[in-house]
Amino acid sequence: MQITLHYSPIACSLVPYVALTEAGADFEVKVVNFLKGEHMSPDYLQLNPKHKVPVLVLDGEPLTENVAILQWIARQYAGAQLLPRGKDEFRAISLMSWCASGIHPTLTPNVLPQRYCDMPGSEDAVKACAHKIMHENFTIAENLLGDREWFFDHFTIPDIYFYWCFRRAKQFKLDVSSYKSCNAHFDRVSQRSSVEKLLAFETEALSSIAPG
């Protein structure tokens, strides 16, 4: 099977990149340059009319949305045990969905409030609301982790997705220093060889799309 991941640096396409790497999959990566508007090109819109990443193309057929993509990877490469088994599989899908729809959308308003409300003078109010929701989410994650190494009894996809969410908050320079368990989890995920490979690739990709 030919697998191609359409990816953009920093974005949540990090998650399937790491998952595919953990699975030992043979896949190609196509870097989408948002700065040049490649996500709005006719060719890309044919793959994903929602003009976002990631897109996983499987023998020419596009699959969009991280929750679906990640479940496909976990099932296609079941030996990698990227999702727990039994009822915990559904708890893991719940955590993935929370990262995708509960945490992810509340991060960007902290730094780009104008995307969510263009009323003059509304920026501080939007940021304050987003900041409150972010802290509610990270408090939940902190309690879920406690003194656990991972969200389940071994490293799984929810660990990758939450890593991206927490990393995004750090990249936005939001103060998350009080979340001891989340920070320890972040450090553990950062040390995995799959993530080290991703970070090296991300550096190369950023260099390749930097304005010249």
N, C-alpha and C. Protein backbone atom coordinates (compact mmCIF):
# COMPACT_ATOMS: atom_id res chain seq x y z
N MET A 1 0.84 -1.20 0.00
CA MET A 1 0.00 0.00 0.00
C MET A 1 0.88 1.25 0.00
N GLN A 2 0.51 2.22 -0.83
CA GLN A 2 1.24 3.49 -0.87
C GLN A 2 0.56 4.48 0.09
N ILE A 3 1.34 4.96 1.04
CA ILE A 3 0.82 5.87 2.07
C ILE A 3 1.54 7.20 1.96
N THR A 4 0.78 8.27 1.83
CA THR A 4 1.35 9.61 1.76
C THR A 4 0.67 10.50 2.80
N LEU A 5 1.48 11.11 3.64
CA LEU A 5 0.98 12.04 4.65
C LEU A 5 1.22 13.47 4.19
N HIS A 6 0.14 14.22 4.05
CA HIS A 6 0.26 15.66 3.77
C HIS A 6 0.35 16.37 5.12
N TYR A 7 1.44 17.08 5.29
CA TYR A 7 1.90 17.53 6.60
C TYR A 7 2.34 18.98 6.50
N SER A 8 2.14 19.73 7.57
CA SER A 8 2.70 21.07 7.67
C SER A 8 3.41 21.20 9.01
N PRO A 9 4.60 21.79 9.04
CA PRO A 9 5.34 21.90 10.29
C PRO A 9 4.54 22.62 11.38
N ILE A 10 4.74 22.19 12.60
CA ILE A 10 4.11 22.74 13.81
C ILE A 10 2.67 22.28 13.97
N ALA A 11 1.97 22.07 12.86
CA ALA A 11 0.54 21.74 12.91
C ALA A 11 0.31 20.35 13.50
N CYS A 12 -0.97 20.01 13.70
CA CYS A 12 -1.33 18.74 14.32
C CYS A 12 -1.09 17.55 13.42
N SER A 13 -0.58 17.77 12.21
CA SER A 13 -0.14 16.65 11.37
C SER A 13 1.09 15.97 11.98
N LEU A 14 1.67 16.60 13.00
CA LEU A 14 2.71 15.94 13.80
C LEU A 14 2.21 14.60 14.34
N VAL A 15 0.95 14.55 14.73
CA VAL A 15 0.43 13.36 15.44
C VAL A 15 0.46 12.12 14.56
N PRO A 16 -0.11 12.14 13.33
CA PRO A 16 -0.01 10.94 12.50
C PRO A 16 1.41 10.63 12.06
N TYR A 17 2.26 11.66 11.92
CA TYR A 17 3.67 11.40 11.58
C TYR A 17 4.30 10.53 12.66
N VAL A 18 4.13 10.92 13.92
CA VAL A 18 4.71 10.14 15.01
C VAL A 18 4.06 8.77 15.10
N ALA A 19 2.74 8.70 14.92
CA ALA A 19 2.05 7.41 15.00
C ALA A 19 2.54 6.46 13.90
N LEU A 20 2.68 6.95 12.69
CA LEU A 20 3.18 6.12 11.60
C LEU A 20 4.61 5.65 11.87
N THR A 21 5.41 6.54 12.44
CA THR A 21 6.79 6.19 12.77
C THR A 21 6.83 5.14 13.87
N GLU A 22 6.00 5.30 14.90
CA GLU A 22 5.91 4.30 15.96
C GLU A 22 5.48 2.95 15.40
N ALA A 23 4.62 2.97 14.39
CA ALA A 23 4.11 1.74 13.81
C ALA A 23 5.10 1.06 12.88
N GLY A 24 6.17 1.77 12.53
CA GLY A 24 7.13 1.22 11.58
C GLY A 24 6.61 1.24 10.15
N ALA A 25 5.69 2.13 9.85
CA ALA A 25 5.08 2.20 8.52
C ALA A 25 6.05 2.80 7.51
N ASP A 26 5.91 2.37 6.29
CA ASP A 26 6.65 2.95 5.17
C ASP A 26 5.73 4.00 4.55
N PHE A 27 6.09 5.27 4.70
CA PHE A 27 5.22 6.33 4.20
C PHE A 27 6.02 7.49 3.65
N GLU A 28 5.39 8.20 2.74
CA GLU A 28 5.96 9.40 2.13
C GLU A 28 5.33 10.62 2.79
N VAL A 29 6.09 11.69 2.89
CA VAL A 29 5.56 12.94 3.46
C VAL A 29 5.61 14.03 2.39
N LYS A 30 4.51 14.71 2.21
CA LYS A 30 4.47 15.89 1.35
C LYS A 30 4.20 17.10 2.24
N VAL A 31 5.15 18.03 2.24
CA VAL A 31 5.04 19.22 3.07
C VAL A 31 4.13 20.24 2.39
N VAL A 32 3.12 20.69 3.11
CA VAL A 32 2.18 21.69 2.60
C VAL A 32 2.61 23.05 3.15
N ASN A 33 2.93 23.96 2.25
CA ASN A 33 3.41 25.28 2.63
C ASN A 33 2.23 26.24 2.77
N PHE A 34 1.81 26.45 4.00
CA PHE A 34 0.68 27.35 4.25
C PHE A 34 1.05 28.80 3.93
N LEU A 35 2.32 29.15 4.10
CA LEU A 35 2.74 30.52 3.84
C LEU A 35 2.54 30.90 2.37
N LYS A 36 2.65 29.90 1.49
CA LYS A 36 2.45 30.13 0.06
C LYS A 36 1.03 29.80 -0.37
N GLY A 37 0.19 29.44 0.58
CA GLY A 37 -1.19 29.15 0.25
C GLY A 37 -1.42 27.83 -0.47
N GLU A 38 -0.47 26.89 -0.31
CA GLU A 38 -0.62 25.61 -1.00
C GLU A 38 -1.86 24.84 -0.55
N HIS A 39 -2.31 25.11 0.68
CA HIS A 39 -3.50 24.43 1.18
C HIS A 39 -4.78 24.90 0.50
N MET A 40 -4.68 26.01 -0.24
CA MET A 40 -5.84 26.54 -0.95
C MET A 40 -5.75 26.31 -2.46
N SER A 41 -4.73 25.57 -2.89
CA SER A 41 -4.57 25.31 -4.31
C SER A 41 -5.66 24.33 -4.79
N PRO A 42 -6.01 24.40 -6.07
CA PRO A 42 -7.04 23.47 -6.59
C PRO A 42 -6.69 22.01 -6.35
N ASP A 43 -5.42 21.65 -6.53
CA ASP A 43 -5.02 20.25 -6.34
C ASP A 43 -5.23 19.82 -4.89
N TYR A 44 -4.85 20.70 -3.96
CA TYR A 44 -5.00 20.31 -2.55
C TYR A 44 -6.47 20.29 -2.15
N LEU A 45 -7.24 21.21 -2.64
CA LEU A 45 -8.66 21.25 -2.30
C LEU A 45 -9.40 20.02 -2.82
N GLN A 46 -8.87 19.39 -3.87
CA GLN A 46 -9.46 18.13 -4.32
C GLN A 46 -9.23 17.04 -3.29
N LEU A 47 -8.07 17.08 -2.62
CA LEU A 47 -7.79 16.11 -1.56
C LEU A 47 -8.60 16.41 -0.32
N ASN A 48 -8.62 17.68 0.05
CA ASN A 48 -9.32 18.08 1.28
C ASN A 48 -9.96 19.45 1.09
N PRO A 49 -11.23 19.50 0.75
CA PRO A 49 -11.89 20.80 0.56
C PRO A 49 -11.94 21.63 1.83
N LYS A 50 -11.62 21.01 2.99
CA LYS A 50 -11.56 21.76 4.25
C LYS A 50 -10.24 22.52 4.38
N HIS A 51 -9.36 22.35 3.40
CA HIS A 51 -8.05 23.02 3.29
C HIS A 51 -7.22 22.98 4.58
N LYS A 52 -7.15 21.80 5.18
CA LYS A 52 -6.38 21.64 6.40
C LYS A 52 -5.45 20.42 6.27
N VAL A 53 -4.54 20.32 7.23
CA VAL A 53 -3.74 19.10 7.40
C VAL A 53 -4.16 18.49 8.73
N PRO A 54 -3.94 17.18 8.87
CA PRO A 54 -3.33 16.27 7.93
C PRO A 54 -4.33 15.70 6.93
N VAL A 55 -3.76 15.18 5.84
CA VAL A 55 -4.49 14.29 4.94
C VAL A 55 -3.61 13.06 4.76
N LEU A 56 -4.19 11.89 4.94
CA LEU A 56 -3.47 10.65 4.70
C LEU A 56 -4.04 10.04 3.42
N VAL A 57 -3.20 9.92 2.41
CA VAL A 57 -3.64 9.38 1.12
C VAL A 57 -3.23 7.92 1.05
N LEU A 58 -4.21 7.04 0.89
CA LEU A 58 -4.01 5.59 0.90
C LEU A 58 -4.32 5.04 -0.48
N ASP A 59 -3.25 4.69 -1.21
CA ASP A 59 -3.42 4.22 -2.59
C ASP A 59 -4.28 5.19 -3.39
N GLY A 60 -4.00 6.47 -3.21
CA GLY A 60 -4.70 7.50 -3.98
C GLY A 60 -5.98 8.01 -3.38
N GLU A 61 -6.47 7.38 -2.31
CA GLU A 61 -7.73 7.80 -1.68
C GLU A 61 -7.44 8.61 -0.42
N PRO A 62 -7.93 9.86 -0.34
CA PRO A 62 -7.63 10.70 0.83
C PRO A 62 -8.50 10.37 2.03
N LEU A 63 -7.87 10.40 3.19
CA LEU A 63 -8.58 10.27 4.46
C LEU A 63 -8.24 11.50 5.29
N THR A 64 -9.25 12.20 5.79
CA THR A 64 -9.03 13.42 6.56
C THR A 64 -9.51 13.24 8.00
N GLU A 65 -9.15 14.18 8.84
CA GLU A 65 -9.50 14.26 10.25
C GLU A 65 -8.66 13.28 11.09
N ASN A 66 -7.95 13.86 12.05
CA ASN A 66 -7.00 13.10 12.83
C ASN A 66 -7.60 11.88 13.53
N VAL A 67 -8.78 12.03 14.10
CA VAL A 67 -9.35 10.91 14.85
C VAL A 67 -9.55 9.70 13.94
N ALA A 68 -10.00 9.92 12.71
CA ALA A 68 -10.17 8.83 11.76
C ALA A 68 -8.81 8.30 11.29
N ILE A 69 -7.91 9.20 10.96
CA ILE A 69 -6.58 8.81 10.48
C ILE A 69 -5.87 7.96 11.53
N LEU A 70 -5.93 8.38 12.77
CA LEU A 70 -5.20 7.69 13.83
C LEU A 70 -5.80 6.31 14.12
N GLN A 71 -7.10 6.19 14.02
CA GLN A 71 -7.71 4.87 14.19
C GLN A 71 -7.32 3.94 13.04
N TRP A 72 -7.24 4.49 11.84
CA TRP A 72 -6.80 3.66 10.71
C TRP A 72 -5.39 3.15 10.95
N ILE A 73 -4.50 4.03 11.38
CA ILE A 73 -3.11 3.62 11.63
C ILE A 73 -3.06 2.54 12.71
N ALA A 74 -3.80 2.74 13.79
CA ALA A 74 -3.78 1.77 14.89
C ALA A 74 -4.28 0.41 14.45
N ARG A 75 -5.30 0.38 13.60
CA ARG A 75 -5.86 -0.90 13.16
C ARG A 75 -5.00 -1.54 12.08
N GLN A 76 -4.44 -0.73 11.19
CA GLN A 76 -3.60 -1.26 10.12
C GLN A 76 -2.32 -1.87 10.69
N TYR A 77 -1.82 -1.28 11.77
CA TYR A 77 -0.57 -1.73 12.38
C TYR A 77 -0.86 -2.17 13.82
N ALA A 78 -1.73 -3.15 13.93
CA ALA A 78 -2.21 -3.57 15.25
C ALA A 78 -1.08 -4.07 16.14
N GLY A 79 -0.04 -4.62 15.54
CA GLY A 79 1.07 -5.13 16.33
C GLY A 79 1.81 -4.07 17.11
N ALA A 80 1.70 -2.82 16.69
CA ALA A 80 2.37 -1.72 17.39
C ALA A 80 1.63 -1.33 18.67
N GLN A 81 0.41 -1.83 18.85
CA GLN A 81 -0.39 -1.56 20.04
C GLN A 81 -0.52 -0.05 20.33
N LEU A 82 -0.87 0.67 19.29
CA LEU A 82 -1.00 2.12 19.43
C LEU A 82 -2.30 2.53 20.11
N LEU A 83 -3.23 1.59 20.23
CA LEU A 83 -4.41 1.79 21.06
C LEU A 83 -4.50 0.62 22.03
N PRO A 84 -4.97 0.86 23.24
CA PRO A 84 -5.17 -0.26 24.17
C PRO A 84 -6.31 -1.15 23.68
N ARG A 85 -6.49 -2.27 24.33
CA ARG A 85 -7.51 -3.22 23.89
C ARG A 85 -8.69 -3.24 24.86
N GLY A 86 -9.77 -3.88 24.42
CA GLY A 86 -10.96 -3.97 25.25
C GLY A 86 -11.63 -2.62 25.41
N LYS A 87 -12.26 -2.42 26.55
CA LYS A 87 -12.98 -1.16 26.77
C LYS A 87 -12.06 0.04 26.78
N ASP A 88 -10.77 -0.17 27.08
CA ASP A 88 -9.84 0.95 27.08
C ASP A 88 -9.62 1.52 25.68
N GLU A 89 -9.89 0.71 24.65
CA GLU A 89 -9.77 1.24 23.29
C GLU A 89 -10.74 2.41 23.11
N PHE A 90 -11.94 2.28 23.62
CA PHE A 90 -12.94 3.33 23.46
C PHE A 90 -12.63 4.53 24.35
N ARG A 91 -12.05 4.27 25.51
CA ARG A 91 -11.58 5.37 26.36
C ARG A 91 -10.46 6.13 25.66
N ALA A 92 -9.61 5.41 24.95
CA ALA A 92 -8.52 6.06 24.21
C ALA A 92 -9.07 6.90 23.06
N ILE A 93 -10.07 6.38 22.35
CA ILE A 93 -10.70 7.15 21.28
C ILE A 93 -11.38 8.40 21.85
N SER A 94 -11.95 8.26 23.05
CA SER A 94 -12.55 9.41 23.72
C SER A 94 -11.49 10.48 24.01
N LEU A 95 -10.32 10.05 24.48
CA LEU A 95 -9.24 11.01 24.75
C LEU A 95 -8.75 11.66 23.46
N MET A 96 -8.61 10.88 22.39
CA MET A 96 -8.21 11.44 21.11
C MET A 96 -9.21 12.49 20.65
N SER A 97 -10.49 12.17 20.79
CA SER A 97 -11.54 13.10 20.36
C SER A 97 -11.51 14.37 21.20
N TRP A 98 -11.24 14.22 22.48
CA TRP A 98 -11.14 15.39 23.37
C TRP A 98 -9.98 16.28 22.96
N CYS A 99 -8.84 15.67 22.64
CA CYS A 99 -7.71 16.47 22.16
C CYS A 99 -8.07 17.22 20.89
N ALA A 100 -8.79 16.52 19.98
CA ALA A 100 -9.11 17.11 18.68
C ALA A 100 -10.17 18.20 18.76
N SER A 101 -11.20 17.97 19.58
CA SER A 101 -12.34 18.90 19.57
C SER A 101 -12.48 19.71 20.86
N GLY A 102 -11.82 19.26 21.92
CA GLY A 102 -11.94 19.97 23.19
C GLY A 102 -10.75 20.85 23.53
N ILE A 103 -9.54 20.33 23.30
CA ILE A 103 -8.34 21.09 23.66
C ILE A 103 -7.83 21.92 22.48
N HIS A 104 -7.63 21.26 21.34
CA HIS A 104 -7.04 21.91 20.18
C HIS A 104 -7.71 23.24 19.82
N PRO A 105 -9.04 23.30 19.68
CA PRO A 105 -9.65 24.56 19.24
C PRO A 105 -9.55 25.70 20.25
N THR A 106 -9.25 25.38 21.50
CA THR A 106 -9.20 26.44 22.51
C THR A 106 -7.82 27.04 22.66
N LEU A 107 -6.83 26.56 21.91
CA LEU A 107 -5.47 27.08 22.05
C LEU A 107 -5.23 28.33 21.22
N THR A 108 -5.59 28.29 19.95
CA THR A 108 -5.30 29.41 19.05
C THR A 108 -5.96 30.72 19.49
N PRO A 109 -7.18 30.73 20.04
CA PRO A 109 -7.76 32.01 20.47
C PRO A 109 -6.92 32.75 21.51
N ASN A 110 -6.01 32.04 22.18
CA ASN A 110 -5.14 32.71 23.14
C ASN A 110 -4.18 33.69 22.47
N VAL A 111 -3.86 33.44 21.20
CA VAL A 111 -2.89 34.28 20.52
C VAL A 111 -3.44 34.96 19.27
N LEU A 112 -4.53 34.41 18.72
CA LEU A 112 -5.14 35.02 17.54
C LEU A 112 -6.64 35.22 17.78
N PRO A 113 -6.98 36.05 18.75
CA PRO A 113 -8.40 36.22 19.10
C PRO A 113 -9.24 36.78 17.97
N GLN A 114 -8.61 37.53 17.05
CA GLN A 114 -9.35 38.15 15.95
C GLN A 114 -9.94 37.13 15.00
N ARG A 115 -9.44 35.90 15.02
CA ARG A 115 -10.02 34.86 14.17
C ARG A 115 -11.41 34.45 14.68
N TYR A 116 -11.69 34.75 15.93
CA TYR A 116 -12.90 34.24 16.56
C TYR A 116 -13.92 35.32 16.84
N CYS A 117 -13.46 36.55 16.90
CA CYS A 117 -14.38 37.69 17.06
C CYS A 117 -13.67 38.93 16.53
N ASP A 118 -14.26 39.57 15.52
CA ASP A 118 -13.62 40.75 14.92
C ASP A 118 -14.21 42.06 15.43
N MET A 119 -14.97 41.97 16.52
CA MET A 119 -15.51 43.19 17.09
C MET A 119 -14.38 43.99 17.73
N PRO A 120 -14.23 45.26 17.41
CA PRO A 120 -13.16 46.06 18.00
C PRO A 120 -13.20 46.02 19.53
N GLY A 121 -12.05 45.82 20.12
CA GLY A 121 -11.95 45.80 21.58
C GLY A 121 -12.30 44.48 22.22
N SER A 122 -12.57 43.45 21.42
CA SER A 122 -12.98 42.15 21.98
C SER A 122 -11.81 41.22 22.27
N GLU A 123 -10.60 41.62 21.87
CA GLU A 123 -9.46 40.71 21.93
C GLU A 123 -9.19 40.18 23.34
N ASP A 124 -9.18 41.05 24.31
CA ASP A 124 -8.85 40.62 25.68
C ASP A 124 -9.90 39.66 26.23
N ALA A 125 -11.16 39.91 25.91
CA ALA A 125 -12.23 39.04 26.40
C ALA A 125 -12.13 37.65 25.78
N VAL A 126 -11.82 37.60 24.49
CA VAL A 126 -11.66 36.30 23.82
C VAL A 126 -10.49 35.54 24.43
N LYS A 127 -9.38 36.24 24.63
CA LYS A 127 -8.21 35.59 25.24
C LYS A 127 -8.52 35.08 26.65
N ALA A 128 -9.24 35.86 27.41
CA ALA A 128 -9.56 35.47 28.78
C ALA A 128 -10.42 34.20 28.80
N CYS A 129 -11.40 34.14 27.91
CA CYS A 129 -12.24 32.94 27.84
C CYS A 129 -11.43 31.72 27.40
N ALA A 130 -10.58 31.91 26.39
CA ALA A 130 -9.76 30.80 25.90
C ALA A 130 -8.79 30.33 26.97
N HIS A 131 -8.24 31.28 27.70
CA HIS A 131 -7.28 30.96 28.76
C HIS A 131 -7.96 30.13 29.86
N LYS A 132 -9.15 30.50 30.21
CA LYS A 132 -9.89 29.76 31.24
C LYS A 132 -10.17 28.33 30.79
N ILE A 133 -10.62 28.16 29.55
CA ILE A 133 -10.93 26.83 29.04
C ILE A 133 -9.66 25.98 28.95
N MET A 134 -8.57 26.60 28.49
CA MET A 134 -7.31 25.86 28.41
C MET A 134 -6.91 25.31 29.77
N HIS A 135 -7.01 26.14 30.80
CA HIS A 135 -6.62 25.69 32.14
C HIS A 135 -7.58 24.62 32.66
N GLU A 136 -8.84 24.72 32.34
CA GLU A 136 -9.77 23.65 32.73
C GLU A 136 -9.36 22.33 32.09
N ASN A 137 -9.01 22.38 30.81
CA ASN A 137 -8.61 21.16 30.10
C ASN A 137 -7.32 20.58 30.67
N PHE A 138 -6.34 21.41 30.92
CA PHE A 138 -5.06 20.89 31.41
C PHE A 138 -5.17 20.41 32.86
N THR A 139 -6.10 20.98 33.61
CA THR A 139 -6.35 20.46 34.96
C THR A 139 -6.94 19.05 34.89
N ILE A 140 -7.85 18.83 33.94
CA ILE A 140 -8.40 17.49 33.75
C ILE A 140 -7.29 16.52 33.37
N ALA A 141 -6.44 16.92 32.43
CA ALA A 141 -5.34 16.05 32.00
C ALA A 141 -4.38 15.77 33.15
N GLU A 142 -4.12 16.78 33.94
CA GLU A 142 -3.22 16.61 35.09
C GLU A 142 -3.78 15.54 36.04
N ASN A 143 -5.07 15.58 36.28
CA ASN A 143 -5.69 14.61 37.17
C ASN A 143 -5.74 13.22 36.54
N LEU A 144 -5.95 13.16 35.24
CA LEU A 144 -5.95 11.86 34.56
C LEU A 144 -4.58 11.19 34.62
N LEU A 145 -3.55 11.99 34.46
CA LEU A 145 -2.19 11.43 34.48
C LEU A 145 -1.76 11.08 35.90
N GLY A 146 -1.97 12.00 36.82
CA GLY A 146 -1.51 11.75 38.20
C GLY A 146 -0.03 11.40 38.19
N ASP A 147 0.30 10.26 38.78
CA ASP A 147 1.70 9.82 38.77
C ASP A 147 1.94 8.74 37.72
N ARG A 148 1.03 8.61 36.76
CA ARG A 148 1.17 7.62 35.70
C ARG A 148 2.20 8.09 34.67
N GLU A 149 2.84 7.11 34.06
CA GLU A 149 3.79 7.44 33.00
C GLU A 149 3.06 7.85 31.72
N TRP A 150 2.01 7.10 31.38
CA TRP A 150 1.21 7.35 30.18
C TRP A 150 -0.26 7.37 30.57
N PHE A 151 -1.13 7.74 29.64
CA PHE A 151 -2.56 7.76 29.93
C PHE A 151 -3.12 6.35 30.16
N PHE A 152 -2.50 5.35 29.51
CA PHE A 152 -2.90 3.96 29.72
C PHE A 152 -1.67 3.18 30.21
N ASP A 153 -1.71 1.87 30.16
CA ASP A 153 -0.62 1.11 30.76
C ASP A 153 0.61 1.02 29.86
N HIS A 154 0.52 1.58 28.64
CA HIS A 154 1.68 1.71 27.78
C HIS A 154 1.46 2.91 26.87
N PHE A 155 2.48 3.31 26.15
CA PHE A 155 2.42 4.47 25.26
C PHE A 155 1.42 4.21 24.14
N THR A 156 0.49 5.14 23.95
CA THR A 156 -0.53 5.00 22.92
C THR A 156 -0.75 6.34 22.21
N ILE A 157 -1.61 6.31 21.21
CA ILE A 157 -1.85 7.51 20.41
C ILE A 157 -2.34 8.71 21.25
N PRO A 158 -3.21 8.52 22.26
CA PRO A 158 -3.58 9.69 23.06
C PRO A 158 -2.38 10.41 23.67
N ASP A 159 -1.31 9.69 23.98
CA ASP A 159 -0.10 10.34 24.48
C ASP A 159 0.50 11.26 23.43
N ILE A 160 0.46 10.81 22.16
CA ILE A 160 1.00 11.64 21.08
C ILE A 160 0.15 12.89 20.89
N TYR A 161 -1.16 12.70 20.87
CA TYR A 161 -2.05 13.84 20.60
C TYR A 161 -1.98 14.86 21.73
N PHE A 162 -1.97 14.37 22.98
CA PHE A 162 -1.88 15.33 24.07
C PHE A 162 -0.53 16.03 24.07
N TYR A 163 0.52 15.32 23.71
CA TYR A 163 1.84 15.94 23.59
C TYR A 163 1.77 17.13 22.64
N TRP A 164 1.12 16.94 21.48
CA TRP A 164 1.02 18.06 20.54
C TRP A 164 0.26 19.23 21.15
N CYS A 165 -0.85 18.96 21.81
CA CYS A 165 -1.65 20.03 22.42
C CYS A 165 -0.83 20.81 23.45
N PHE A 166 -0.12 20.08 24.30
CA PHE A 166 0.65 20.74 25.35
C PHE A 166 1.82 21.50 24.74
N ARG A 167 2.42 20.92 23.72
CA ARG A 167 3.51 21.60 23.02
C ARG A 167 3.02 22.90 22.40
N ARG A 168 1.83 22.87 21.83
CA ARG A 168 1.28 24.07 21.19
C ARG A 168 1.10 25.18 22.22
N ALA A 169 0.62 24.82 23.40
CA ALA A 169 0.48 25.83 24.45
C ALA A 169 1.85 26.42 24.81
N LYS A 170 2.86 25.58 24.89
CA LYS A 170 4.21 26.07 25.18
C LYS A 170 4.72 26.97 24.05
N GLN A 171 4.45 26.58 22.80
CA GLN A 171 4.89 27.40 21.67
C GLN A 171 4.21 28.75 21.66
N PHE A 172 2.97 28.80 22.15
CA PHE A 172 2.25 30.06 22.26
C PHE A 172 2.69 30.87 23.49
N LYS A 173 3.66 30.31 24.24
CA LYS A 173 4.21 30.96 25.44
C LYS A 173 3.13 31.19 26.51
N LEU A 174 2.22 30.22 26.60
CA LEU A 174 1.22 30.24 27.66
C LEU A 174 1.82 29.57 28.90
N ASP A 175 1.48 30.07 30.05
CA ASP A 175 2.08 29.57 31.29
C ASP A 175 1.41 28.25 31.69
N VAL A 176 2.12 27.16 31.48
CA VAL A 176 1.62 25.83 31.87
C VAL A 176 2.57 25.18 32.88
N SER A 177 3.36 26.02 33.54
CA SER A 177 4.40 25.50 34.43
C SER A 177 3.83 24.78 35.65
N SER A 178 2.59 25.08 36.03
CA SER A 178 2.03 24.49 37.26
C SER A 178 1.57 23.05 37.05
N TYR A 179 1.53 22.58 35.81
CA TYR A 179 1.03 21.23 35.52
C TYR A 179 2.19 20.24 35.55
N LYS A 180 2.51 19.77 36.74
CA LYS A 180 3.71 18.95 36.93
C LYS A 180 3.61 17.64 36.15
N SER A 181 2.48 16.96 36.24
CA SER A 181 2.34 15.67 35.56
C SER A 181 2.33 15.85 34.05
N CYS A 182 1.68 16.90 33.58
CA CYS A 182 1.64 17.15 32.14
C CYS A 182 3.04 17.48 31.61
N ASN A 183 3.79 18.26 32.37
CA ASN A 183 5.15 18.59 31.94
C ASN A 183 6.05 17.36 31.95
N ALA A 184 5.90 16.51 32.96
CA ALA A 184 6.70 15.28 33.00
C ALA A 184 6.34 14.37 31.83
N HIS A 185 5.05 14.29 31.51
CA HIS A 185 4.60 13.52 30.36
C HIS A 185 5.18 14.09 29.07
N PHE A 186 5.15 15.39 28.94
CA PHE A 186 5.71 16.05 27.76
C PHE A 186 7.18 15.69 27.59
N ASP A 187 7.93 15.72 28.67
CA ASP A 187 9.35 15.38 28.60
C ASP A 187 9.57 13.92 28.19
N ARG A 188 8.74 13.02 28.71
CA ARG A 188 8.88 11.61 28.34
C ARG A 188 8.60 11.39 26.86
N VAL A 189 7.53 12.01 26.37
CA VAL A 189 7.21 11.85 24.95
C VAL A 189 8.32 12.46 24.08
N SER A 190 8.86 13.58 24.50
CA SER A 190 9.91 14.24 23.73
C SER A 190 11.14 13.36 23.53
N GLN A 191 11.35 12.45 24.47
CA GLN A 191 12.55 11.60 24.42
C GLN A 191 12.37 10.35 23.56
N ARG A 192 11.19 10.10 23.05
CA ARG A 192 10.99 8.92 22.22
C ARG A 192 11.66 9.12 20.86
N SER A 193 12.19 8.05 20.31
CA SER A 193 12.92 8.16 19.05
C SER A 193 12.02 8.64 17.92
N SER A 194 10.74 8.25 17.96
CA SER A 194 9.81 8.69 16.92
C SER A 194 9.63 10.20 16.94
N VAL A 195 9.61 10.77 18.13
CA VAL A 195 9.44 12.22 18.26
C VAL A 195 10.75 12.93 17.89
N GLU A 196 11.86 12.36 18.27
CA GLU A 196 13.14 12.95 17.87
C GLU A 196 13.26 12.98 16.35
N LYS A 197 12.80 11.91 15.69
CA LYS A 197 12.81 11.88 14.22
C LYS A 197 11.89 12.97 13.67
N LEU A 198 10.71 13.11 14.26
CA LEU A 198 9.78 14.14 13.82
C LEU A 198 10.38 15.53 13.97
N LEU A 199 11.00 15.79 15.10
CA LEU A 199 11.56 17.12 15.34
C LEU A 199 12.66 17.45 14.35
N ALA A 200 13.48 16.46 14.00
CA ALA A 200 14.52 16.68 12.99
C ALA A 200 13.88 16.97 11.64
N PHE A 201 12.84 16.21 11.29
CA PHE A 201 12.15 16.45 10.03
C PHE A 201 11.48 17.81 10.03
N GLU A 202 10.89 18.18 11.15
CA GLU A 202 10.22 19.47 11.25
C GLU A 202 11.20 20.62 11.01
N THR A 203 12.39 20.50 11.57
CA THR A 203 13.40 21.54 11.37
C THR A 203 13.75 21.67 9.89
N GLU A 204 13.92 20.54 9.21
CA GLU A 204 14.22 20.56 7.78
C GLU A 204 13.05 21.16 6.99
N ALA A 205 11.84 20.78 7.36
CA ALA A 205 10.67 21.26 6.65
C ALA A 205 10.50 22.77 6.82
N LEU A 206 10.70 23.24 8.03
CA LEU A 206 10.61 24.68 8.27
C LEU A 206 11.64 25.45 7.46
N SER A 207 12.84 24.88 7.37
CA SER A 207 13.89 25.53 6.58
C SER A 207 13.51 25.57 5.10
N SER A 208 12.87 24.50 4.65
CA SER A 208 12.55 24.42 3.22
C SER A 208 11.44 25.38 2.80
N ILE A 209 10.57 25.74 3.74
CA ILE A 209 9.45 26.62 3.37
C ILE A 209 9.64 28.05 3.88
N ALA A 210 10.78 28.32 4.52
CA ALA A 210 11.02 29.67 5.04
C ALA A 210 11.10 30.66 3.89
N PRO A 211 10.51 31.84 4.07
CA PRO A 211 10.59 32.85 3.00
C PRO A 211 12.04 33.16 2.66
N GLY A 212 12.34 33.17 1.38
CA GLY A 212 13.72 33.41 0.96
C GLY A 212 13.93 34.84 0.48
